């Protein structure tokens, strides 16, 4: 079993650019350790005589066919009519990604 400690949590948090306080790193490390213990228990279960399954409830997805209904479509001009800013037929929005 892998060992997760607060240093590992801090390293992952730094890579993910997520601020984690000292006590949070201790709590998260313990929670991950508990999760890994459960996973180890699950690995020990004998499933050799069980059929694989992907769905156990018997429910099915209810979807509609993907059909274009021209009466329900907006033209490009209609779609852009209330936009604050456009450029060559596209919406212009503020950049949300920054470079380091």
N, C-alpha and C. Protein backbone atom coordinates (compact mmCIF):
# COMPACT_ATOMS: atom_id res chain seq x y z
N UNK A 1 0.85 -1.19 0.00
CA UNK A 1 0.00 0.00 0.00
C UNK A 1 0.88 1.23 0.00
N UNK A 2 0.52 2.20 -0.81
CA UNK A 2 1.25 3.46 -0.87
C UNK A 2 0.99 4.26 0.40
N UNK A 3 1.99 5.06 0.77
CA UNK A 3 1.84 5.91 1.93
C UNK A 3 1.64 7.34 1.46
N UNK A 4 0.57 7.94 1.93
CA UNK A 4 0.28 9.33 1.62
C UNK A 4 0.51 10.12 2.90
N UNK A 5 1.40 11.09 2.82
CA UNK A 5 1.66 11.93 3.99
C UNK A 5 1.40 13.39 3.62
N UNK A 6 1.55 14.27 4.59
CA UNK A 6 1.22 15.67 4.34
C UNK A 6 2.16 16.29 3.31
N UNK A 7 3.39 15.80 3.19
CA UNK A 7 4.29 16.32 2.17
C UNK A 7 3.78 15.96 0.77
N UNK A 8 3.27 14.74 0.63
CA UNK A 8 2.70 14.33 -0.66
C UNK A 8 1.50 15.19 -1.01
N UNK A 9 0.66 15.46 -0.03
CA UNK A 9 -0.52 16.31 -0.24
C UNK A 9 -0.08 17.70 -0.68
N UNK A 10 0.92 18.26 0.00
CA UNK A 10 1.40 19.60 -0.35
C UNK A 10 1.97 19.63 -1.76
N UNK A 11 2.69 18.58 -2.14
CA UNK A 11 3.27 18.52 -3.47
C UNK A 11 2.18 18.46 -4.54
N UNK A 12 1.17 17.61 -4.34
CA UNK A 12 0.07 17.51 -5.29
C UNK A 12 -0.71 18.82 -5.35
N UNK A 13 -0.93 19.44 -4.20
CA UNK A 13 -1.65 20.71 -4.16
C UNK A 13 -0.88 21.78 -4.92
N UNK A 14 0.44 21.77 -4.79
CA UNK A 14 1.26 22.75 -5.52
C UNK A 14 1.16 22.52 -7.02
N UNK A 15 1.22 21.25 -7.44
CA UNK A 15 1.11 20.93 -8.87
C UNK A 15 -0.26 21.32 -9.42
N UNK A 16 -1.30 21.17 -8.59
CA UNK A 16 -2.66 21.50 -9.02
C UNK A 16 -2.99 22.97 -8.78
N UNK A 17 -2.05 23.70 -8.20
CA UNK A 17 -2.25 25.11 -7.90
C UNK A 17 -3.47 25.33 -7.00
N UNK A 18 -3.57 24.47 -5.96
CA UNK A 18 -4.66 24.55 -4.99
C UNK A 18 -4.04 24.87 -3.63
N UNK A 19 -4.46 25.96 -3.01
CA UNK A 19 -3.92 26.28 -1.69
C UNK A 19 -4.43 25.29 -0.64
N UNK A 20 -3.52 24.75 0.15
CA UNK A 20 -3.88 23.81 1.21
C UNK A 20 -3.16 24.25 2.48
N UNK A 21 -3.92 24.43 3.55
CA UNK A 21 -3.35 24.83 4.82
C UNK A 21 -2.75 23.62 5.53
N UNK A 22 -1.94 23.87 6.54
CA UNK A 22 -1.22 22.82 7.26
C UNK A 22 -2.18 21.74 7.80
N UNK A 23 -3.20 22.15 8.53
CA UNK A 23 -4.14 21.18 9.10
C UNK A 23 -4.90 20.43 8.01
N UNK A 24 -5.22 21.11 6.93
CA UNK A 24 -5.90 20.45 5.81
C UNK A 24 -5.02 19.35 5.22
N UNK A 25 -3.72 19.61 5.12
CA UNK A 25 -2.83 18.60 4.55
C UNK A 25 -2.78 17.36 5.43
N UNK A 26 -2.82 17.55 6.74
CA UNK A 26 -2.84 16.41 7.66
C UNK A 26 -4.15 15.64 7.50
N UNK A 27 -5.28 16.37 7.47
CA UNK A 27 -6.59 15.73 7.34
C UNK A 27 -6.73 15.00 6.00
N UNK A 28 -6.28 15.65 4.92
CA UNK A 28 -6.36 15.02 3.60
C UNK A 28 -5.48 13.78 3.52
N UNK A 29 -4.29 13.84 4.11
CA UNK A 29 -3.40 12.68 4.09
C UNK A 29 -4.08 11.50 4.78
N UNK A 30 -4.73 11.74 5.92
CA UNK A 30 -5.43 10.67 6.64
C UNK A 30 -6.60 10.15 5.82
N UNK A 31 -7.34 11.04 5.19
CA UNK A 31 -8.48 10.61 4.37
C UNK A 31 -8.02 9.76 3.19
N UNK A 32 -6.93 10.16 2.54
CA UNK A 32 -6.40 9.36 1.43
C UNK A 32 -5.90 8.01 1.92
N UNK A 33 -5.26 7.98 3.09
CA UNK A 33 -4.81 6.71 3.66
C UNK A 33 -6.00 5.79 3.91
N UNK A 34 -7.09 6.35 4.46
CA UNK A 34 -8.29 5.55 4.70
C UNK A 34 -8.86 5.00 3.40
N UNK A 35 -8.86 5.82 2.37
CA UNK A 35 -9.36 5.39 1.06
C UNK A 35 -8.50 4.27 0.50
N UNK A 36 -7.19 4.40 0.62
CA UNK A 36 -6.28 3.36 0.11
C UNK A 36 -6.47 2.05 0.87
N UNK A 37 -6.79 2.11 2.16
CA UNK A 37 -7.05 0.90 2.93
C UNK A 37 -8.29 0.18 2.39
N UNK A 38 -9.32 0.95 2.07
CA UNK A 38 -10.54 0.35 1.50
C UNK A 38 -10.24 -0.28 0.15
N UNK A 39 -9.46 0.40 -0.67
CA UNK A 39 -9.10 -0.13 -1.99
C UNK A 39 -8.31 -1.42 -1.82
N UNK A 40 -7.41 -1.47 -0.87
CA UNK A 40 -6.65 -2.70 -0.63
C UNK A 40 -7.58 -3.85 -0.22
N UNK A 41 -8.59 -3.55 0.61
CA UNK A 41 -9.55 -4.59 0.99
C UNK A 41 -10.32 -5.08 -0.24
N UNK A 42 -10.71 -4.16 -1.11
CA UNK A 42 -11.44 -4.54 -2.31
C UNK A 42 -10.60 -5.40 -3.23
N UNK A 43 -9.30 -5.13 -3.29
CA UNK A 43 -8.41 -5.93 -4.14
C UNK A 43 -8.34 -7.38 -3.69
N UNK A 44 -8.59 -7.64 -2.41
CA UNK A 44 -8.47 -8.98 -1.86
C UNK A 44 -9.73 -9.83 -2.08
N UNK A 45 -10.80 -9.23 -2.54
CA UNK A 45 -12.06 -9.96 -2.74
C UNK A 45 -11.94 -10.86 -3.96
N UNK A 46 -12.37 -12.12 -3.80
CA UNK A 46 -12.33 -13.09 -4.89
C UNK A 46 -13.52 -12.86 -5.82
N UNK A 47 -13.25 -12.46 -7.04
CA UNK A 47 -14.31 -12.20 -8.01
C UNK A 47 -14.18 -13.11 -9.24
N UNK A 48 -13.49 -14.22 -9.09
CA UNK A 48 -13.23 -15.08 -10.23
C UNK A 48 -14.50 -15.68 -10.83
N UNK A 49 -15.53 -15.94 -10.04
CA UNK A 49 -16.76 -16.57 -10.55
C UNK A 49 -17.88 -15.56 -10.78
N UNK A 50 -17.57 -14.29 -10.81
CA UNK A 50 -18.58 -13.26 -11.01
C UNK A 50 -18.50 -12.71 -12.43
N UNK A 51 -19.67 -12.48 -13.02
CA UNK A 51 -19.71 -11.88 -14.35
C UNK A 51 -19.46 -10.38 -14.24
N UNK A 52 -18.67 -9.84 -15.14
CA UNK A 52 -18.47 -8.38 -15.14
C UNK A 52 -19.79 -7.68 -15.44
N UNK A 53 -19.97 -6.54 -14.85
CA UNK A 53 -21.19 -5.77 -15.11
C UNK A 53 -20.83 -4.30 -15.22
N UNK A 54 -21.61 -3.58 -15.97
CA UNK A 54 -21.39 -2.15 -16.12
C UNK A 54 -22.59 -1.36 -15.63
N UNK A 55 -23.70 -2.07 -15.35
CA UNK A 55 -24.92 -1.39 -14.97
C UNK A 55 -25.75 -2.36 -14.14
N UNK A 56 -26.17 -1.95 -12.95
CA UNK A 56 -26.85 -2.88 -12.07
C UNK A 56 -28.29 -2.48 -11.74
N UNK A 57 -28.75 -1.31 -12.16
CA UNK A 57 -30.08 -0.86 -11.78
C UNK A 57 -31.17 -1.27 -12.77
N UNK A 58 -30.79 -1.61 -13.98
CA UNK A 58 -31.77 -1.93 -15.00
C UNK A 58 -32.35 -0.70 -15.69
N UNK A 59 -31.92 0.47 -15.29
CA UNK A 59 -32.41 1.70 -15.90
C UNK A 59 -31.72 1.94 -17.23
N UNK A 60 -32.42 2.61 -18.13
CA UNK A 60 -31.81 2.96 -19.40
C UNK A 60 -31.90 4.47 -19.59
N UNK A 61 -30.98 5.01 -20.35
CA UNK A 61 -31.01 6.44 -20.65
C UNK A 61 -32.17 6.75 -21.58
N UNK A 62 -32.80 7.86 -21.31
CA UNK A 62 -33.88 8.32 -22.18
C UNK A 62 -33.33 9.52 -22.93
N UNK A 63 -33.16 9.36 -24.22
CA UNK A 63 -32.63 10.44 -25.03
C UNK A 63 -33.52 10.65 -26.24
N UNK A 64 -33.42 11.82 -26.79
CA UNK A 64 -34.16 12.11 -28.01
C UNK A 64 -33.18 12.01 -29.17
N UNK A 65 -33.68 11.76 -30.35
CA UNK A 65 -32.78 11.74 -31.50
C UNK A 65 -32.21 13.13 -31.75
N UNK A 66 -30.99 13.18 -32.20
CA UNK A 66 -30.32 14.44 -32.48
C UNK A 66 -30.73 14.91 -33.87
N UNK A 67 -31.83 15.65 -33.92
CA UNK A 67 -32.40 16.07 -35.18
C UNK A 67 -32.39 17.59 -35.22
N UNK A 68 -31.98 18.15 -36.34
CA UNK A 68 -31.99 19.59 -36.54
C UNK A 68 -33.41 20.03 -36.89
N UNK A 69 -33.93 20.99 -36.10
CA UNK A 69 -35.26 21.53 -36.37
C UNK A 69 -35.06 23.00 -36.75
N UNK A 70 -35.09 23.30 -38.03
CA UNK A 70 -34.78 24.66 -38.49
C UNK A 70 -35.62 25.74 -37.82
N UNK A 71 -36.88 25.45 -37.49
CA UNK A 71 -37.74 26.45 -36.86
C UNK A 71 -37.25 26.85 -35.47
N UNK A 72 -36.46 26.00 -34.83
CA UNK A 72 -35.99 26.26 -33.48
C UNK A 72 -34.56 26.80 -33.47
N UNK A 73 -34.01 27.05 -34.63
CA UNK A 73 -32.62 27.51 -34.73
C UNK A 73 -32.57 29.02 -34.87
N UNK A 74 -31.50 29.63 -34.37
CA UNK A 74 -31.23 31.04 -34.58
C UNK A 74 -30.25 31.18 -35.73
N UNK A 75 -30.41 32.22 -36.47
CA UNK A 75 -29.39 32.52 -37.48
C UNK A 75 -28.17 33.06 -36.74
N UNK A 76 -27.05 33.13 -37.42
CA UNK A 76 -25.85 33.66 -36.78
C UNK A 76 -26.07 35.11 -36.35
N UNK A 77 -26.74 35.89 -37.16
CA UNK A 77 -27.02 37.28 -36.81
C UNK A 77 -27.91 37.38 -35.58
N UNK A 78 -28.92 36.52 -35.49
CA UNK A 78 -29.80 36.52 -34.33
C UNK A 78 -29.05 36.11 -33.06
N UNK A 79 -28.19 35.11 -33.18
CA UNK A 79 -27.43 34.63 -32.02
C UNK A 79 -26.48 35.70 -31.50
N UNK A 80 -25.91 36.49 -32.40
CA UNK A 80 -24.94 37.51 -32.01
C UNK A 80 -25.57 38.87 -31.72
N UNK A 81 -26.88 38.99 -31.92
CA UNK A 81 -27.55 40.29 -31.83
C UNK A 81 -27.34 41.00 -30.49
N UNK A 82 -27.34 40.31 -29.38
CA UNK A 82 -27.22 40.94 -28.07
C UNK A 82 -25.83 40.80 -27.46
N UNK A 83 -24.87 40.32 -28.23
CA UNK A 83 -23.52 40.15 -27.71
C UNK A 83 -22.87 41.52 -27.49
N UNK A 84 -22.12 41.63 -26.39
CA UNK A 84 -21.43 42.89 -26.12
C UNK A 84 -20.35 43.16 -27.16
N UNK A 85 -19.65 42.08 -27.57
CA UNK A 85 -18.56 42.26 -28.51
C UNK A 85 -18.48 41.04 -29.42
N UNK A 86 -18.30 41.28 -30.71
CA UNK A 86 -18.15 40.19 -31.68
C UNK A 86 -16.97 40.51 -32.60
N UNK A 87 -16.49 39.47 -33.28
CA UNK A 87 -15.42 39.65 -34.25
C UNK A 87 -15.60 38.59 -35.33
N UNK A 88 -15.82 39.01 -36.53
CA UNK A 88 -15.95 38.15 -37.71
C UNK A 88 -16.92 36.99 -37.47
N UNK A 89 -18.06 37.31 -36.85
CA UNK A 89 -19.10 36.31 -36.66
C UNK A 89 -18.96 35.45 -35.42
N UNK A 90 -18.05 35.81 -34.49
CA UNK A 90 -17.85 35.04 -33.27
C UNK A 90 -18.08 35.93 -32.05
N UNK A 91 -18.44 35.31 -30.93
CA UNK A 91 -18.51 36.03 -29.66
C UNK A 91 -17.09 36.33 -29.20
N UNK A 92 -16.87 37.51 -28.63
CA UNK A 92 -15.59 37.85 -28.04
C UNK A 92 -15.81 37.96 -26.54
N UNK A 93 -15.03 37.19 -25.77
CA UNK A 93 -15.17 37.18 -24.32
C UNK A 93 -13.80 37.44 -23.69
N UNK A 94 -13.77 37.91 -22.44
CA UNK A 94 -12.48 38.15 -21.80
C UNK A 94 -11.70 36.85 -21.62
N UNK A 95 -10.38 36.98 -21.72
CA UNK A 95 -9.50 35.84 -21.52
C UNK A 95 -9.56 35.43 -20.05
N UNK A 96 -9.65 34.12 -19.77
CA UNK A 96 -9.67 33.66 -18.40
C UNK A 96 -8.42 32.87 -18.02
N UNK A 97 -7.60 32.53 -18.99
CA UNK A 97 -6.35 31.82 -18.73
C UNK A 97 -5.21 32.80 -18.73
N UNK A 98 -4.31 32.61 -17.80
CA UNK A 98 -3.15 33.51 -17.71
C UNK A 98 -1.87 32.71 -17.82
N UNK A 99 -0.84 33.36 -18.33
CA UNK A 99 0.47 32.73 -18.37
C UNK A 99 1.22 33.06 -17.10
N UNK A 100 2.04 32.13 -16.64
CA UNK A 100 2.86 32.40 -15.42
C UNK A 100 4.04 33.26 -15.74
